[in-house]
């Protein structure tokens, strides 16, 4: 049995299960046939140039934790000229998005089947037009709050990656996490909040895609939407 050489200083993993149930054979086959063609280059190998992933892309959007991929695939279909980068460590979610990409004939999606932060660190400054964080794991217990995706460091990295005028969108159906996210994004240099219509956080954006996960209403509040712009 091998042991972690540095269990104290290794990066925190902000997600839970990697696989929850068996992956259907057709979806499993896409890991061999499709994923290698659309995978984001290994961020450990060096910087990642988004324009090299899709030459001539009219914009670059990053979805951190795309779940089952419904939102990512729908937005890709609506905006074929925009490069969509999706990151998700949950293999069942990756299998699902591969099915959506295959069935939709989408050519503008690139997938990283692991934690998004390594990809973010490999991307150049001011390279993204939009960052989307939709319904991340809330990690309720105070001692687990450090595992939440949105930390001060993550918010600062998002600000680095956004082009001037680019936006980060955050949605949660847990009231405590909404307050947590608002506090961290609001104090991040270079970001300013985009006011919600009538200051109503429950109003989704005009182009929002409601997924099956959102419809389950697993949180303790109606979904809350917030947006910050890079100044």
C-alpha atoms as a PDB file:
ATOM      1  CA  UNK A   1       0.000   0.000   0.000  1.00  0.00           C
ATOM      2  CA  UNK A   2       1.306   3.444  -0.926  1.00  0.00           C
ATOM      3  CA  UNK A   3       1.034   6.470   1.318  1.00  0.00           C
ATOM      4  CA  UNK A   4       0.683  10.151   0.540  1.00  0.00           C
ATOM      5  CA  UNK A   5       4.180  11.669   0.832  1.00  0.00           C
ATOM      6  CA  UNK A   6       2.794  14.967   2.039  1.00  0.00           C
ATOM      7  CA  UNK A   7      -0.729  14.538   3.450  1.00  0.00           C
ATOM      8  CA  UNK A   8      -0.650  17.837   5.309  1.00  0.00           C
ATOM      9  CA  UNK A   9       0.318  20.197   2.490  1.00  0.00           C
ATOM     10  CA  UNK A  10      -1.491  18.561  -0.430  1.00  0.00           C
ATOM     11  CA  UNK A  11      -4.201  20.778  -2.042  1.00  0.00           C
ATOM     12  CA  UNK A  12      -7.705  20.466  -0.625  1.00  0.00           C
ATOM     13  CA  UNK A  13     -10.170  18.710  -2.902  1.00  0.00           C
ATOM     14  CA  UNK A  14     -13.389  20.729  -2.927  1.00  0.00           C
ATOM     15  CA  UNK A  15     -15.516  17.894  -4.192  1.00  0.00           C
ATOM     16  CA  UNK A  16     -16.825  14.605  -2.891  1.00  0.00           C
ATOM     17  CA  UNK A  17     -17.426  11.401  -4.824  1.00  0.00           C
ATOM     18  CA  UNK A  18     -15.564  10.710  -8.057  1.00  0.00           C
ATOM     19  CA  UNK A  19     -18.040   8.086  -9.221  1.00  0.00           C
ATOM     20  CA  UNK A  20     -21.402   7.253  -7.660  1.00  0.00           C
ATOM     21  CA  UNK A  21     -22.821   4.565  -9.920  1.00  0.00           C
ATOM     22  CA  UNK A  22     -21.773   2.427 -12.887  1.00  0.00           C
ATOM     23  CA  UNK A  23     -21.428   4.346 -16.140  1.00  0.00           C
ATOM     24  CA  UNK A  24     -23.560   3.074 -19.017  1.00  0.00           C
ATOM     25  CA  UNK A  25     -21.575   1.244 -21.717  1.00  0.00           C
ATOM     26  CA  UNK A  26     -22.366   3.760 -24.460  1.00  0.00           C
ATOM     27  CA  UNK A  27     -21.231   6.651 -22.279  1.00  0.00           C
ATOM     28  CA  UNK A  28     -18.177   4.716 -21.111  1.00  0.00           C
ATOM     29  CA  UNK A  29     -17.176   4.222 -24.759  1.00  0.00           C
ATOM     30  CA  UNK A  30     -17.124   7.997 -25.214  1.00  0.00           C
ATOM     31  CA  UNK A  31     -14.268   8.234 -22.712  1.00  0.00           C
ATOM     32  CA  UNK A  32     -12.156   6.423 -25.327  1.00  0.00           C
ATOM     33  CA  UNK A  33     -13.619   7.783 -28.560  1.00  0.00           C
ATOM     34  CA  UNK A  34     -14.603  11.379 -27.772  1.00  0.00           C
ATOM     35  CA  UNK A  35     -12.868  12.627 -24.640  1.00  0.00           C
ATOM     36  CA  UNK A  36      -9.309  12.368 -26.008  1.00  0.00           C
ATOM     37  CA  UNK A  37     -10.326  14.628 -28.913  1.00  0.00           C
ATOM     38  CA  UNK A  38     -11.898  17.347 -26.763  1.00  0.00           C
ATOM     39  CA  UNK A  39      -9.892  17.108 -23.546  1.00  0.00           C
ATOM     40  CA  UNK A  40      -8.201  20.233 -22.257  1.00  0.00           C
ATOM     41  CA  UNK A  41      -4.417  19.740 -22.404  1.00  0.00           C
ATOM     42  CA  UNK A  42      -2.849  18.553 -19.161  1.00  0.00           C
ATOM     43  CA  UNK A  43      -2.317  21.752 -17.137  1.00  0.00           C
ATOM     44  CA  UNK A  44       0.712  20.162 -15.489  1.00  0.00           C
ATOM     45  CA  UNK A  45       2.424  20.218 -18.877  1.00  0.00           C
ATOM     46  CA  UNK A  46       2.460  24.001 -19.081  1.00  0.00           C
ATOM     47  CA  UNK A  47       0.346  27.063 -19.975  1.00  0.00           C
ATOM     48  CA  UNK A  48      -2.905  26.585 -21.861  1.00  0.00           C
ATOM     49  CA  UNK A  49      -3.749  28.897 -24.765  1.00  0.00           C
ATOM     50  CA  UNK A  50      -7.540  29.017 -25.269  1.00  0.00           C
ATOM     51  CA  UNK A  51      -7.143  30.228 -28.840  1.00  0.00           C
ATOM     52  CA  UNK A  52      -5.149  27.105 -29.624  1.00  0.00           C
ATOM     53  CA  UNK A  53      -8.067  25.002 -28.382  1.00  0.00           C
ATOM     54  CA  UNK A  54     -10.462  26.701 -30.803  1.00  0.00           C
ATOM     55  CA  UNK A  55      -8.801  29.069 -33.294  1.00  0.00           C
ATOM     56  CA  UNK A  56     -10.970  32.063 -34.066  1.00  0.00           C
ATOM     57  CA  UNK A  57     -13.206  31.642 -31.024  1.00  0.00           C
ATOM     58  CA  UNK A  58     -15.392  34.705 -30.492  1.00  0.00           C
ATOM     59  CA  UNK A  59     -15.146  34.315 -26.727  1.00  0.00           C
ATOM     60  CA  UNK A  60     -14.110  31.891 -24.008  1.00  0.00           C
ATOM     61  CA  UNK A  61     -16.400  30.733 -21.174  1.00  0.00           C
ATOM     62  CA  UNK A  62     -15.415  28.515 -18.263  1.00  0.00           C
ATOM     63  CA  UNK A  63     -17.895  26.462 -16.256  1.00  0.00           C
ATOM     64  CA  UNK A  64     -16.484  25.196 -12.978  1.00  0.00           C
ATOM     65  CA  UNK A  65     -18.236  22.009 -11.906  1.00  0.00           C
ATOM     66  CA  UNK A  66     -20.703  21.395 -14.739  1.00  0.00           C
ATOM     67  CA  UNK A  67     -22.568  18.556 -13.019  1.00  0.00           C
ATOM     68  CA  UNK A  68     -24.493  16.593 -15.629  1.00  0.00           C
ATOM     69  CA  UNK A  69     -23.459  19.029 -18.357  1.00  0.00           C
ATOM     70  CA  UNK A  70     -26.964  20.193 -19.332  1.00  0.00           C
ATOM     71  CA  UNK A  71     -26.122  23.857 -18.853  1.00  0.00           C
ATOM     72  CA  UNK A  72     -22.732  23.623 -20.555  1.00  0.00           C
ATOM     73  CA  UNK A  73     -24.079  21.769 -23.583  1.00  0.00           C
ATOM     74  CA  UNK A  74     -27.100  24.035 -23.991  1.00  0.00           C
ATOM     75  CA  UNK A  75     -24.980  27.184 -23.852  1.00  0.00           C
ATOM     76  CA  UNK A  76     -22.543  25.623 -26.345  1.00  0.00           C
ATOM     77  CA  UNK A  77     -25.427  24.964 -28.722  1.00  0.00           C
ATOM     78  CA  UNK A  78     -26.687  28.514 -28.382  1.00  0.00           C
ATOM     79  CA  UNK A  79     -23.229  30.056 -28.885  1.00  0.00           C
ATOM     80  CA  UNK A  80     -21.341  27.905 -31.416  1.00  0.00           C
ATOM     81  CA  UNK A  81     -18.683  30.578 -31.903  1.00  0.00           C
ATOM     82  CA  UNK A  82     -17.757  30.618 -28.210  1.00  0.00           C
ATOM     83  CA  UNK A  83     -15.260  28.162 -26.753  1.00  0.00           C
ATOM     84  CA  UNK A  84     -16.802  26.452 -23.725  1.00  0.00           C
ATOM     85  CA  UNK A  85     -14.360  24.960 -21.213  1.00  0.00           C
ATOM     86  CA  UNK A  86     -15.981  22.700 -18.653  1.00  0.00           C
ATOM     87  CA  UNK A  87     -14.298  21.191 -15.596  1.00  0.00           C
ATOM     88  CA  UNK A  88     -15.807  18.414 -13.500  1.00  0.00           C
ATOM     89  CA  UNK A  89     -14.112  15.735 -11.347  1.00  0.00           C
ATOM     90  CA  UNK A  90     -17.280  13.627 -10.963  1.00  0.00           C
ATOM     91  CA  UNK A  91     -16.951  10.936 -13.634  1.00  0.00           C
ATOM     92  CA  UNK A  92     -20.684  10.344 -13.967  1.00  0.00           C
ATOM     93  CA  UNK A  93     -21.022  14.030 -14.805  1.00  0.00           C
ATOM     94  CA  UNK A  94     -18.262  13.773 -17.384  1.00  0.00           C
ATOM     95  CA  UNK A  95     -20.002  10.760 -18.918  1.00  0.00           C
ATOM     96  CA  UNK A  96     -23.228  12.747 -19.095  1.00  0.00           C
ATOM     97  CA  UNK A  97     -21.681  15.782 -20.760  1.00  0.00           C
ATOM     98  CA  UNK A  98     -19.911  13.564 -23.288  1.00  0.00           C
ATOM     99  CA  UNK A  99     -23.303  12.154 -24.251  1.00  0.00           C
ATOM    100  CA  UNK A 100     -24.735  15.670 -24.631  1.00  0.00           C
ATOM    101  CA  UNK A 101     -21.776  16.742 -26.765  1.00  0.00           C
ATOM    102  CA  UNK A 102     -21.987  13.649 -28.934  1.00  0.00           C
ATOM    103  CA  UNK A 103     -25.736  13.816 -29.456  1.00  0.00           C
ATOM    104  CA  UNK A 104     -25.653  17.563 -30.105  1.00  0.00           C
ATOM    105  CA  UNK A 105     -22.720  17.402 -32.514  1.00  0.00           C
ATOM    106  CA  UNK A 106     -21.034  20.158 -30.504  1.00  0.00           C
ATOM    107  CA  UNK A 107     -17.571  21.164 -31.644  1.00  0.00           C
ATOM    108  CA  UNK A 108     -16.948  24.097 -29.293  1.00  0.00           C
ATOM    109  CA  UNK A 109     -16.664  22.287 -25.937  1.00  0.00           C
ATOM    110  CA  UNK A 110     -13.431  21.266 -24.230  1.00  0.00           C
ATOM    111  CA  UNK A 111     -13.547  19.130 -21.088  1.00  0.00           C
ATOM    112  CA  UNK A 112     -11.254  18.707 -18.102  1.00  0.00           C
ATOM    113  CA  UNK A 113     -12.253  15.660 -16.050  1.00  0.00           C
ATOM    114  CA  UNK A 114     -10.772  16.922 -12.811  1.00  0.00           C
ATOM    115  CA  UNK A 115     -10.612  19.911 -10.492  1.00  0.00           C
ATOM    116  CA  UNK A 116     -10.858  23.254 -12.311  1.00  0.00           C
ATOM    117  CA  UNK A 117      -8.190  25.044 -10.329  1.00  0.00           C
ATOM    118  CA  UNK A 118      -5.288  23.414 -12.147  1.00  0.00           C
ATOM    119  CA  UNK A 119      -6.707  24.584 -15.483  1.00  0.00           C
ATOM    120  CA  UNK A 120      -7.316  28.064 -14.112  1.00  0.00           C
ATOM    121  CA  UNK A 121      -3.696  28.323 -12.976  1.00  0.00           C
ATOM    122  CA  UNK A 122      -2.528  27.382 -16.498  1.00  0.00           C
ATOM    123  CA  UNK A 123      -4.688  29.954 -18.321  1.00  0.00           C
ATOM    124  CA  UNK A 124      -3.268  33.392 -19.172  1.00  0.00           C
ATOM    125  CA  UNK A 125      -4.387  36.683 -17.675  1.00  0.00           C
ATOM    126  CA  UNK A 126      -7.529  38.271 -19.144  1.00  0.00           C
ATOM    127  CA  UNK A 127      -8.352  35.203 -21.222  1.00  0.00           C
ATOM    128  CA  UNK A 128     -11.975  34.545 -20.210  1.00  0.00           C
ATOM    129  CA  UNK A 129     -15.196  36.357 -21.031  1.00  0.00           C
ATOM    130  CA  UNK A 130     -17.335  34.473 -18.530  1.00  0.00           C
ATOM    131  CA  UNK A 131     -16.882  32.195 -15.523  1.00  0.00           C
ATOM    132  CA  UNK A 132     -19.881  30.191 -14.310  1.00  0.00           C
ATOM    133  CA  UNK A 133     -20.214  28.496 -10.923  1.00  0.00           C
ATOM    134  CA  UNK A 134     -23.645  26.930 -10.633  1.00  0.00           C
ATOM    135  CA  UNK A 135     -24.778  25.125  -7.489  1.00  0.00           C
ATOM    136  CA  UNK A 136     -21.386  24.162  -6.050  1.00  0.00           C
ATOM    137  CA  UNK A 137     -21.178  21.799  -3.086  1.00  0.00           C
ATOM    138  CA  UNK A 138     -22.068  23.944  -0.035  1.00  0.00           C
ATOM    139  CA  UNK A 139     -19.992  22.037   2.581  1.00  0.00           C
ATOM    140  CA  UNK A 140     -22.331  23.067   5.401  1.00  0.00           C
ATOM    141  CA  UNK A 141     -20.296  22.258   8.499  1.00  0.00           C
ATOM    142  CA  UNK A 142     -18.083  25.120   9.636  1.00  0.00           C
ATOM    143  CA  UNK A 143     -15.045  22.857   9.861  1.00  0.00           C
ATOM    144  CA  UNK A 144     -15.606  21.948   6.192  1.00  0.00           C
ATOM    145  CA  UNK A 145     -16.083  25.518   4.899  1.00  0.00           C
ATOM    146  CA  UNK A 146     -12.434  25.513   3.831  1.00  0.00           C
ATOM    147  CA  UNK A 147     -13.419  22.942   1.186  1.00  0.00           C
ATOM    148  CA  UNK A 148     -15.846  25.291  -0.525  1.00  0.00           C
ATOM    149  CA  UNK A 149     -14.805  26.077  -4.056  1.00  0.00           C
ATOM    150  CA  UNK A 150     -15.224  29.820  -3.690  1.00  0.00           C
ATOM    151  CA  UNK A 151     -12.479  31.112  -1.412  1.00  0.00           C
ATOM    152  CA  UNK A 152     -10.626  34.432  -1.495  1.00  0.00           C
ATOM    153  CA  UNK A 153      -7.871  32.777  -3.528  1.00  0.00           C
ATOM    154  CA  UNK A 154     -10.351  31.427  -6.075  1.00  0.00           C
ATOM    155  CA  UNK A 155     -12.079  34.792  -6.408  1.00  0.00           C
ATOM    156  CA  UNK A 156      -8.720  36.508  -6.991  1.00  0.00           C
ATOM    157  CA  UNK A 157      -7.848  33.918  -9.645  1.00  0.00           C
ATOM    158  CA  UNK A 158     -11.169  34.528 -11.384  1.00  0.00           C
ATOM    159  CA  UNK A 159     -10.488  38.274 -11.400  1.00  0.00           C
ATOM    160  CA  UNK A 160      -7.076  37.588 -12.961  1.00  0.00           C
ATOM    161  CA  UNK A 161      -8.587  35.451 -15.698  1.00  0.00           C
ATOM    162  CA  UNK A 162     -11.501  37.690 -16.690  1.00  0.00           C
ATOM    163  CA  UNK A 163     -11.144  40.192 -19.478  1.00  0.00           C
ATOM    164  CA  UNK A 164     -12.251  43.766 -18.665  1.00  0.00           C
ATOM    165  CA  UNK A 165     -16.027  43.636 -18.785  1.00  0.00           C
ATOM    166  CA  UNK A 166     -16.060  39.864 -18.345  1.00  0.00           C
ATOM    167  CA  UNK A 167     -18.377  38.421 -15.712  1.00  0.00           C
ATOM    168  CA  UNK A 168     -18.478  35.695 -13.103  1.00  0.00           C
ATOM    169  CA  UNK A 169     -21.871  34.185 -12.356  1.00  0.00           C
ATOM    170  CA  UNK A 170     -22.579  32.326  -9.123  1.00  0.00           C
ATOM    171  CA  UNK A 171     -25.777  30.467  -8.251  1.00  0.00           C
ATOM    172  CA  UNK A 172     -26.645  28.555  -5.084  1.00  0.00           C
ATOM    173  CA  UNK A 173     -29.761  27.339  -3.329  1.00  0.00           C
ATOM    174  CA  UNK A 174     -28.139  27.503   0.095  1.00  0.00           C
ATOM    175  CA  UNK A 175     -28.554  30.861   1.833  1.00  0.00           C
ATOM    176  CA  UNK A 176     -25.369  30.575   3.882  1.00  0.00           C
ATOM    177  CA  UNK A 177     -23.248  29.919   0.807  1.00  0.00           C
ATOM    178  CA  UNK A 178     -24.821  32.889  -0.979  1.00  0.00           C
ATOM    179  CA  UNK A 179     -23.688  35.173   1.821  1.00  0.00           C
ATOM    180  CA  UNK A 180     -20.265  33.549   1.854  1.00  0.00           C
ATOM    181  CA  UNK A 181     -19.838  34.012  -1.890  1.00  0.00           C
ATOM    182  CA  UNK A 182     -21.086  37.586  -1.875  1.00  0.00           C
ATOM    183  CA  UNK A 183     -18.631  38.520   0.861  1.00  0.00           C
ATOM    184  CA  UNK A 184     -15.635  37.064  -0.954  1.00  0.00           C
ATOM    185  CA  UNK A 185     -16.462  38.322  -4.424  1.00  0.00           C
ATOM    186  CA  UNK A 186     -17.289  41.796  -3.111  1.00  0.00           C
ATOM    187  CA  UNK A 187     -13.909  42.191  -1.445  1.00  0.00           C
ATOM    188  CA  UNK A 188     -11.908  40.950  -4.440  1.00  0.00           C
ATOM    189  CA  UNK A 189     -10.001  43.780  -6.143  1.00  0.00           C
ATOM    190  CA  UNK A 190     -11.064  44.251  -9.754  1.00  0.00           C
ATOM    191  CA  UNK A 191     -14.584  42.899  -9.336  1.00  0.00           C
ATOM    192  CA  UNK A 192     -17.796  44.898  -8.971  1.00  0.00           C
ATOM    193  CA  UNK A 193     -21.271  43.558  -8.427  1.00  0.00           C
ATOM    194  CA  UNK A 194     -23.815  43.762 -11.230  1.00  0.00           C
ATOM    195  CA  UNK A 195     -27.096  44.690  -9.513  1.00  0.00           C
ATOM    196  CA  UNK A 196     -29.962  42.199  -9.777  1.00  0.00           C
ATOM    197  CA  UNK A 197     -33.226  43.482 -11.312  1.00  0.00           C
ATOM    198  CA  UNK A 198     -35.108  45.263  -8.517  1.00  0.00           C
ATOM    199  CA  UNK A 199     -32.410  43.866  -6.191  1.00  0.00           C
ATOM    200  CA  UNK A 200     -34.176  40.510  -6.371  1.00  0.00           C
ATOM    201  CA  UNK A 201     -31.580  37.752  -6.171  1.00  0.00           C
ATOM    202  CA  UNK A 202     -34.105  35.107  -7.209  1.00  0.00           C
ATOM    203  CA  UNK A 203     -34.446  36.462 -10.766  1.00  0.00           C
ATOM    204  CA  UNK A 204     -32.330  34.372 -13.175  1.00  0.00           C
ATOM    205  CA  UNK A 205     -30.453  35.869 -16.110  1.00  0.00           C
ATOM    206  CA  UNK A 206     -32.268  36.023 -19.452  1.00  0.00           C
ATOM    207  CA  UNK A 207     -30.046  33.286 -20.869  1.00  0.00           C
ATOM    208  CA  UNK A 208     -30.042  31.073 -17.774  1.00  0.00           C
ATOM    209  CA  UNK A 209     -30.523  27.340 -18.366  1.00  0.00           C
ATOM    210  CA  UNK A 210     -32.607  25.583 -15.718  1.00  0.00           C
ATOM    211  CA  UNK A 211     -31.285  22.057 -15.184  1.00  0.00           C
ATOM    212  CA  UNK A 212     -32.841  18.992 -13.624  1.00  0.00           C
ATOM    213  CA  UNK A 213     -30.607  19.469 -10.595  1.00  0.00           C
ATOM    214  CA  UNK A 214     -31.923  22.989 -10.058  1.00  0.00           C
ATOM    215  CA  UNK A 215     -35.495  21.765 -10.300  1.00  0.00           C
ATOM    216  CA  UNK A 216     -34.929  19.326  -7.433  1.00  0.00           C
ATOM    217  CA  UNK A 217     -34.604  22.269  -4.983  1.00  0.00           C
ATOM    218  CA  UNK A 218     -32.280  20.429  -2.626  1.00  0.00           C
ATOM    219  CA  UNK A 219     -31.174  23.557  -0.779  1.00  0.00           C
ATOM    220  CA  UNK A 220     -32.796  25.651   1.913  1.00  0.00           C
ATOM    221  CA  UNK A 221     -33.790  28.585  -0.294  1.00  0.00           C
ATOM    222  CA  UNK A 222     -34.956  29.516  -3.776  1.00  0.00           C
ATOM    223  CA  UNK A 223     -31.926  29.658  -6.106  1.00  0.00           C
ATOM    224  CA  UNK A 224     -30.025  32.910  -5.625  1.00  0.00           C
ATOM    225  CA  UNK A 225     -28.226  34.505  -8.564  1.00  0.00           C
ATOM    226  CA  UNK A 226     -25.315  36.926  -8.343  1.00  0.00           C
ATOM    227  CA  UNK A 227     -23.037  38.393 -10.971  1.00  0.00           C
ATOM    228  CA  UNK A 228     -19.786  40.340 -10.751  1.00  0.00           C
ATOM    229  CA  UNK A 229     -18.027  42.214 -13.555  1.00  0.00           C
ATOM    230  CA  UNK A 230     -14.292  42.691 -14.099  1.00  0.00           C
ATOM    231  CA  UNK A 231     -13.499  46.391 -14.076  1.00  0.00           C
END
